[in-house]
N, C-alpha and C. Protein backbone atom coordinates (compact mmCIF):
# COMPACT_ATOMS: atom_id res chain seq x y z
N MET A 1 -0.03 -2.82 19.67
CA MET A 1 0.64 -4.21 20.11
C MET A 1 -0.41 -5.20 19.51
N THR A 2 0.34 -6.36 18.80
CA THR A 2 -0.36 -7.16 17.97
C THR A 2 -0.57 -8.36 18.97
N ILE A 3 -1.52 -9.41 18.60
CA ILE A 3 -1.81 -10.53 19.31
C ILE A 3 -0.49 -11.29 19.41
N PHE A 4 0.39 -11.42 18.34
CA PHE A 4 1.71 -12.06 18.59
C PHE A 4 2.54 -11.46 19.64
N THR A 5 2.58 -10.09 19.69
CA THR A 5 3.43 -9.70 20.93
C THR A 5 2.97 -10.08 22.16
N LYS A 6 1.70 -10.24 22.29
CA LYS A 6 0.98 -10.72 23.46
C LYS A 6 1.42 -12.19 23.87
N ILE A 7 1.44 -12.95 22.80
CA ILE A 7 1.94 -14.26 22.88
C ILE A 7 3.49 -14.40 23.18
N ILE A 8 4.34 -13.58 22.56
CA ILE A 8 5.69 -13.41 23.01
C ILE A 8 6.05 -13.01 24.35
N ASN A 9 5.08 -11.91 24.86
CA ASN A 9 5.26 -11.60 26.19
C ASN A 9 4.59 -12.33 27.40
N GLY A 10 3.97 -13.51 26.93
CA GLY A 10 3.28 -14.46 27.72
C GLY A 10 1.98 -13.91 28.15
N GLU A 11 1.17 -13.15 27.64
CA GLU A 11 0.04 -12.54 28.13
C GLU A 11 -1.01 -13.42 27.62
N LEU A 12 -0.86 -14.15 26.29
CA LEU A 12 -1.58 -15.09 25.86
C LEU A 12 -0.98 -16.37 25.86
N PRO A 13 -1.77 -17.44 26.06
CA PRO A 13 -1.05 -18.83 25.81
C PRO A 13 -0.90 -19.09 24.47
N SER A 14 0.06 -20.23 24.08
CA SER A 14 0.28 -20.71 22.88
C SER A 14 0.83 -22.23 23.22
N ASN A 15 0.47 -22.95 22.00
CA ASN A 15 1.03 -24.29 22.19
C ASN A 15 2.50 -24.30 21.36
N LYS A 16 3.46 -23.94 22.13
CA LYS A 16 4.75 -23.74 21.56
C LYS A 16 5.63 -24.84 20.88
N VAL A 17 6.20 -24.90 19.99
CA VAL A 17 7.05 -25.93 19.38
C VAL A 17 8.41 -25.69 19.36
N LEU A 18 9.01 -24.45 19.34
CA LEU A 18 10.33 -24.07 19.47
C LEU A 18 10.47 -22.64 19.82
N GLU A 19 11.33 -22.49 20.56
CA GLU A 19 11.69 -20.90 20.97
C GLU A 19 13.13 -20.62 21.14
N ASN A 20 13.72 -19.60 20.85
CA ASN A 20 14.94 -19.16 21.13
C ASN A 20 14.81 -17.67 21.71
N ASP A 21 15.83 -16.97 21.69
CA ASP A 21 15.82 -15.62 21.89
C ASP A 21 15.31 -14.67 20.88
N LYS A 22 15.36 -15.14 19.61
CA LYS A 22 14.90 -14.38 18.84
C LYS A 22 13.74 -14.63 17.99
N PHE A 23 13.15 -16.12 17.93
CA PHE A 23 11.80 -16.52 17.39
C PHE A 23 11.19 -17.33 18.11
N LEU A 24 9.82 -17.59 17.80
CA LEU A 24 8.99 -18.31 18.28
C LEU A 24 8.27 -19.03 17.29
N ALA A 25 7.89 -20.38 17.54
CA ALA A 25 7.05 -21.26 16.77
C ALA A 25 5.92 -21.73 17.34
N PHE A 26 4.64 -21.79 17.04
CA PHE A 26 3.59 -22.34 17.97
C PHE A 26 2.63 -22.88 16.97
N HIS A 27 1.84 -23.87 17.41
CA HIS A 27 0.75 -24.35 16.64
C HIS A 27 -0.63 -23.20 16.45
N ASP A 28 -0.83 -23.06 15.12
CA ASP A 28 -1.86 -22.28 14.80
C ASP A 28 -3.22 -22.85 15.37
N ILE A 29 -3.98 -22.00 15.98
CA ILE A 29 -5.40 -22.30 16.64
C ILE A 29 -6.25 -22.81 15.70
N ASN A 30 -6.08 -22.31 14.41
CA ASN A 30 -7.16 -22.66 13.33
C ASN A 30 -6.50 -23.32 12.05
N PRO A 31 -5.84 -24.57 12.34
CA PRO A 31 -5.19 -25.23 11.32
C PRO A 31 -5.64 -25.52 10.09
N LYS A 32 -5.20 -25.55 9.11
CA LYS A 32 -5.48 -25.52 7.77
C LYS A 32 -4.83 -26.94 7.05
N ALA A 33 -4.18 -27.64 7.91
CA ALA A 33 -3.49 -28.76 7.64
C ALA A 33 -3.14 -29.75 9.01
N PRO A 34 -2.81 -30.81 8.68
CA PRO A 34 -2.62 -31.72 9.94
C PRO A 34 -1.48 -31.04 10.93
N ILE A 35 -0.56 -30.56 9.98
CA ILE A 35 0.49 -29.59 10.83
C ILE A 35 0.59 -28.27 10.52
N HIS A 36 0.26 -27.17 11.34
CA HIS A 36 0.22 -25.80 10.87
C HIS A 36 0.88 -25.06 12.01
N ILE A 37 2.01 -24.55 11.85
CA ILE A 37 2.73 -23.87 12.61
C ILE A 37 2.97 -22.29 12.27
N LEU A 38 2.76 -21.60 13.13
CA LEU A 38 3.19 -20.20 12.89
C LEU A 38 4.52 -19.81 13.40
N ILE A 39 5.20 -19.15 12.65
CA ILE A 39 6.84 -19.02 13.02
C ILE A 39 7.09 -17.31 12.81
N ILE A 40 7.30 -16.77 13.98
CA ILE A 40 7.51 -15.27 14.07
C ILE A 40 8.76 -14.91 14.77
N PRO A 41 9.41 -13.75 14.20
CA PRO A 41 10.52 -13.02 15.12
C PRO A 41 9.79 -12.20 16.23
N LYS A 42 10.53 -12.53 17.19
CA LYS A 42 10.21 -11.83 18.51
C LYS A 42 10.16 -10.19 18.48
N LYS A 43 11.23 -9.75 17.50
CA LYS A 43 11.20 -8.40 17.34
C LYS A 43 9.93 -8.06 16.30
N GLU A 44 9.29 -6.94 16.58
CA GLU A 44 8.20 -6.61 15.83
C GLU A 44 8.63 -5.93 14.47
N VAL A 45 8.40 -6.63 13.43
CA VAL A 45 8.52 -6.43 12.13
C VAL A 45 7.00 -6.45 11.52
N GLU A 46 6.78 -5.56 10.64
CA GLU A 46 5.26 -5.46 10.11
C GLU A 46 5.16 -6.65 9.18
N ASN A 47 5.92 -6.91 8.28
CA ASN A 47 5.71 -7.91 7.20
C ASN A 47 7.15 -8.32 6.45
N PHE A 48 7.09 -9.09 5.43
CA PHE A 48 8.13 -9.51 4.84
C PHE A 48 8.92 -8.35 3.86
N GLN A 49 8.11 -7.31 3.66
CA GLN A 49 8.69 -6.33 3.04
C GLN A 49 9.50 -5.57 3.80
N SER A 50 9.28 -5.50 4.94
CA SER A 50 10.02 -4.72 5.99
C SER A 50 11.22 -5.37 6.81
N VAL A 51 11.20 -6.74 6.60
CA VAL A 51 12.37 -7.58 7.14
C VAL A 51 13.89 -7.14 6.57
N ASN A 52 14.95 -7.09 7.60
CA ASN A 52 16.02 -7.02 6.93
C ASN A 52 16.76 -8.33 6.52
N ALA A 53 17.72 -8.33 5.76
CA ALA A 53 18.44 -9.63 5.39
C ALA A 53 19.08 -10.31 6.31
N GLU A 54 19.65 -9.68 7.55
CA GLU A 54 20.22 -10.45 8.48
C GLU A 54 19.10 -11.00 9.26
N LEU A 55 18.19 -10.43 9.83
CA LEU A 55 17.16 -11.18 10.68
C LEU A 55 16.51 -12.38 9.62
N MET A 56 16.22 -12.09 8.35
CA MET A 56 15.59 -13.20 7.55
C MET A 56 16.55 -14.49 7.26
N GLY A 57 17.72 -14.18 7.36
CA GLY A 57 18.72 -15.24 7.40
C GLY A 57 18.72 -16.08 8.71
N GLU A 58 18.72 -15.46 9.89
CA GLU A 58 18.42 -16.08 11.01
C GLU A 58 17.15 -16.88 11.19
N MET A 59 16.14 -16.32 10.53
CA MET A 59 14.91 -16.84 10.61
C MET A 59 14.82 -18.04 9.71
N THR A 60 15.53 -17.98 8.69
CA THR A 60 15.60 -19.17 7.81
C THR A 60 16.07 -20.37 8.35
N LEU A 61 17.21 -20.09 9.31
CA LEU A 61 17.74 -21.31 10.14
C LEU A 61 16.81 -21.85 10.83
N PHE A 62 16.20 -20.82 11.59
CA PHE A 62 15.08 -21.32 12.65
C PHE A 62 13.98 -22.30 11.96
N ILE A 63 13.42 -21.61 10.82
CA ILE A 63 12.37 -22.33 10.26
C ILE A 63 12.88 -23.90 9.76
N HIS A 64 14.11 -23.95 9.50
CA HIS A 64 14.66 -25.38 9.18
C HIS A 64 14.60 -26.23 10.36
N GLU A 65 14.81 -25.54 11.43
CA GLU A 65 15.00 -26.30 12.66
C GLU A 65 13.47 -26.80 13.06
N VAL A 66 12.55 -25.93 12.75
CA VAL A 66 11.15 -26.14 13.08
C VAL A 66 10.63 -27.43 12.05
N ALA A 67 11.01 -27.23 10.81
CA ALA A 67 10.66 -28.23 9.96
C ALA A 67 11.23 -29.56 10.35
N LYS A 68 12.56 -29.68 10.79
CA LYS A 68 13.32 -30.99 11.32
C LYS A 68 12.53 -31.40 12.40
N LEU A 69 12.25 -30.55 13.28
CA LEU A 69 11.65 -30.91 14.65
C LEU A 69 10.09 -31.54 14.23
N MET A 70 9.40 -31.02 13.53
CA MET A 70 8.12 -31.37 13.24
C MET A 70 8.08 -32.77 12.18
N GLY A 71 9.19 -33.20 11.70
CA GLY A 71 9.40 -34.39 10.71
C GLY A 71 8.99 -33.77 9.47
N LEU A 72 9.01 -32.61 8.90
CA LEU A 72 8.84 -32.25 7.61
C LEU A 72 9.83 -31.96 6.98
N ASP A 73 10.95 -32.11 7.21
CA ASP A 73 12.22 -31.73 6.43
C ASP A 73 12.34 -32.63 5.38
N LYS A 74 12.04 -33.95 5.57
CA LYS A 74 12.19 -34.97 4.42
C LYS A 74 10.89 -35.03 3.44
N SER A 75 9.70 -34.93 4.24
CA SER A 75 8.32 -35.30 3.53
C SER A 75 7.96 -33.97 2.72
N GLY A 76 8.17 -32.96 3.27
CA GLY A 76 7.90 -31.85 2.52
C GLY A 76 6.79 -30.83 3.38
N TYR A 77 6.88 -29.49 3.10
CA TYR A 77 5.96 -28.64 3.68
C TYR A 77 5.82 -27.29 2.85
N ARG A 78 4.74 -26.71 3.09
CA ARG A 78 4.52 -25.42 2.53
C ARG A 78 4.66 -24.18 3.38
N LEU A 79 5.51 -23.34 2.91
CA LEU A 79 5.83 -22.24 3.75
C LEU A 79 5.17 -20.87 3.16
N ILE A 80 4.19 -20.09 3.84
CA ILE A 80 3.53 -19.15 3.31
C ILE A 80 3.58 -17.83 4.25
N THR A 81 3.88 -16.63 3.56
CA THR A 81 3.91 -15.53 4.40
C THR A 81 2.90 -14.53 3.57
N ASN A 82 1.92 -13.82 4.30
CA ASN A 82 1.12 -12.86 3.43
C ASN A 82 1.84 -11.46 3.77
N ASN A 83 1.72 -10.67 2.72
CA ASN A 83 2.66 -9.34 2.80
C ASN A 83 1.53 -8.23 2.45
N GLY A 84 1.02 -7.63 3.67
CA GLY A 84 0.10 -6.58 3.31
C GLY A 84 -1.26 -6.98 3.14
N LYS A 85 -2.47 -6.00 3.24
CA LYS A 85 -3.63 -6.08 3.45
C LYS A 85 -4.28 -7.01 2.31
N ASP A 86 -3.79 -6.54 1.02
CA ASP A 86 -4.31 -7.45 -0.07
C ASP A 86 -4.06 -8.65 -0.31
N SER A 87 -3.03 -9.39 0.45
CA SER A 87 -2.52 -10.52 0.50
C SER A 87 -3.47 -11.55 1.49
N GLY A 88 -4.22 -10.57 2.32
CA GLY A 88 -4.85 -11.39 3.29
C GLY A 88 -4.09 -11.35 4.68
N GLN A 89 -3.09 -10.57 4.86
CA GLN A 89 -2.37 -10.39 6.03
C GLN A 89 -3.38 -9.88 7.12
N GLU A 90 -3.53 -10.53 8.07
CA GLU A 90 -4.54 -10.18 9.15
C GLU A 90 -3.92 -9.54 10.46
N VAL A 91 -2.71 -10.20 10.71
CA VAL A 91 -1.80 -9.76 11.93
C VAL A 91 -0.66 -9.02 11.21
N MET A 92 -0.50 -7.82 11.49
CA MET A 92 0.67 -6.89 10.88
C MET A 92 1.92 -7.19 11.91
N HIS A 93 2.31 -8.41 11.91
CA HIS A 93 3.76 -8.84 12.33
C HIS A 93 4.00 -9.97 11.44
N LEU A 94 5.16 -9.82 11.03
CA LEU A 94 5.85 -10.88 10.27
C LEU A 94 5.50 -12.38 10.65
N HIS A 95 5.02 -12.99 9.80
CA HIS A 95 4.86 -14.57 10.41
C HIS A 95 4.84 -15.45 9.20
N PHE A 96 5.32 -16.67 9.17
CA PHE A 96 5.41 -17.93 8.44
C PHE A 96 4.30 -18.76 8.80
N HIS A 97 3.66 -19.51 7.92
CA HIS A 97 2.74 -20.54 8.10
C HIS A 97 3.70 -21.72 7.55
N MET A 98 3.85 -22.67 8.38
CA MET A 98 4.47 -24.09 7.95
C MET A 98 3.41 -24.91 7.73
N LEU A 99 2.98 -25.38 6.62
CA LEU A 99 1.77 -26.28 6.50
C LEU A 99 2.35 -27.71 6.07
N GLY A 100 1.90 -29.00 6.84
CA GLY A 100 2.41 -30.04 6.22
C GLY A 100 1.65 -31.35 6.99
N GLY A 101 2.20 -32.39 6.87
CA GLY A 101 1.66 -33.62 7.48
C GLY A 101 0.69 -34.45 6.52
N SER A 102 0.55 -33.90 5.18
CA SER A 102 -0.20 -34.70 4.35
C SER A 102 -0.12 -34.07 2.97
N LYS A 103 -0.36 -34.66 2.06
CA LYS A 103 -0.21 -34.01 0.62
C LYS A 103 -1.26 -32.85 0.44
N LEU A 104 -0.51 -31.83 0.31
CA LEU A 104 -1.48 -30.65 0.25
C LEU A 104 -1.79 -30.36 -1.17
N THR A 105 -3.00 -29.59 -1.23
CA THR A 105 -3.66 -29.25 -2.47
C THR A 105 -3.39 -27.79 -2.63
N TRP A 106 -3.68 -27.26 -3.64
CA TRP A 106 -3.42 -25.76 -3.84
C TRP A 106 -4.85 -24.95 -4.47
N PRO A 107 -5.89 -24.69 -3.22
CA PRO A 107 -7.12 -24.27 -3.70
C PRO A 107 -7.05 -22.92 -4.35
N HIS A 108 -7.94 -22.54 -5.09
CA HIS A 108 -8.00 -21.21 -5.73
C HIS A 108 -7.86 -20.08 -4.99
N LEU A 109 -7.02 -19.29 -5.14
CA LEU A 109 -6.63 -18.23 -4.18
C LEU A 109 -7.31 -16.74 -4.56
N ALA A 110 -7.96 -16.53 -5.61
CA ALA A 110 -8.81 -15.40 -5.74
C ALA A 110 -10.04 -15.66 -6.47
N ASP A 111 -11.04 -15.02 -6.29
CA ASP A 111 -12.38 -15.21 -6.97
C ASP A 111 -12.33 -14.21 -8.27
N THR A 112 -11.31 -13.55 -8.75
CA THR A 112 -11.14 -12.70 -9.83
C THR A 112 -10.98 -13.56 -11.02
N ASP A 113 -11.60 -12.97 -12.07
CA ASP A 113 -11.44 -13.88 -13.28
C ASP A 113 -9.93 -13.47 -14.01
N THR A 114 -9.09 -14.34 -13.95
CA THR A 114 -7.70 -14.06 -14.20
C THR A 114 -7.40 -13.73 -15.82
N LYS A 115 -8.51 -14.12 -16.75
CA LYS A 115 -8.32 -13.94 -18.16
C LYS A 115 -8.09 -12.35 -18.42
N ASN A 116 -8.51 -11.52 -17.56
CA ASN A 116 -8.53 -10.12 -17.86
C ASN A 116 -7.09 -9.62 -17.36
N PHE A 117 -6.07 -10.48 -16.76
CA PHE A 117 -4.74 -9.98 -16.54
C PHE A 117 -3.79 -10.31 -17.77
N PHE A 118 -4.03 -10.93 -18.65
CA PHE A 118 -3.15 -11.33 -19.72
C PHE A 118 -3.30 -10.72 -20.97
């Protein structure tokens, strides 16, 4: 059972933004932007590679609702999901980070010398 399952089950508190019978959006406890929302399916899905198209389609509509509710639908936001250990995924439950509320920069993502990749 992941920390997100415990939040879904009400075993751990969260600052909820939006919830329906299939999805939950809540504020990240370690925000990386003025607005940092985590968006998760209530069904346990390990990562993006494991999600089926039907659930992802429904989740897309939910994500649009969250963006509108947070006032980011017009100004813009970054939507990130990490897929697997090498990507930095720490909680093995599909989740999207919605970041916004200011002009975002794109920090260096890896310490590897990329010249060796080409």
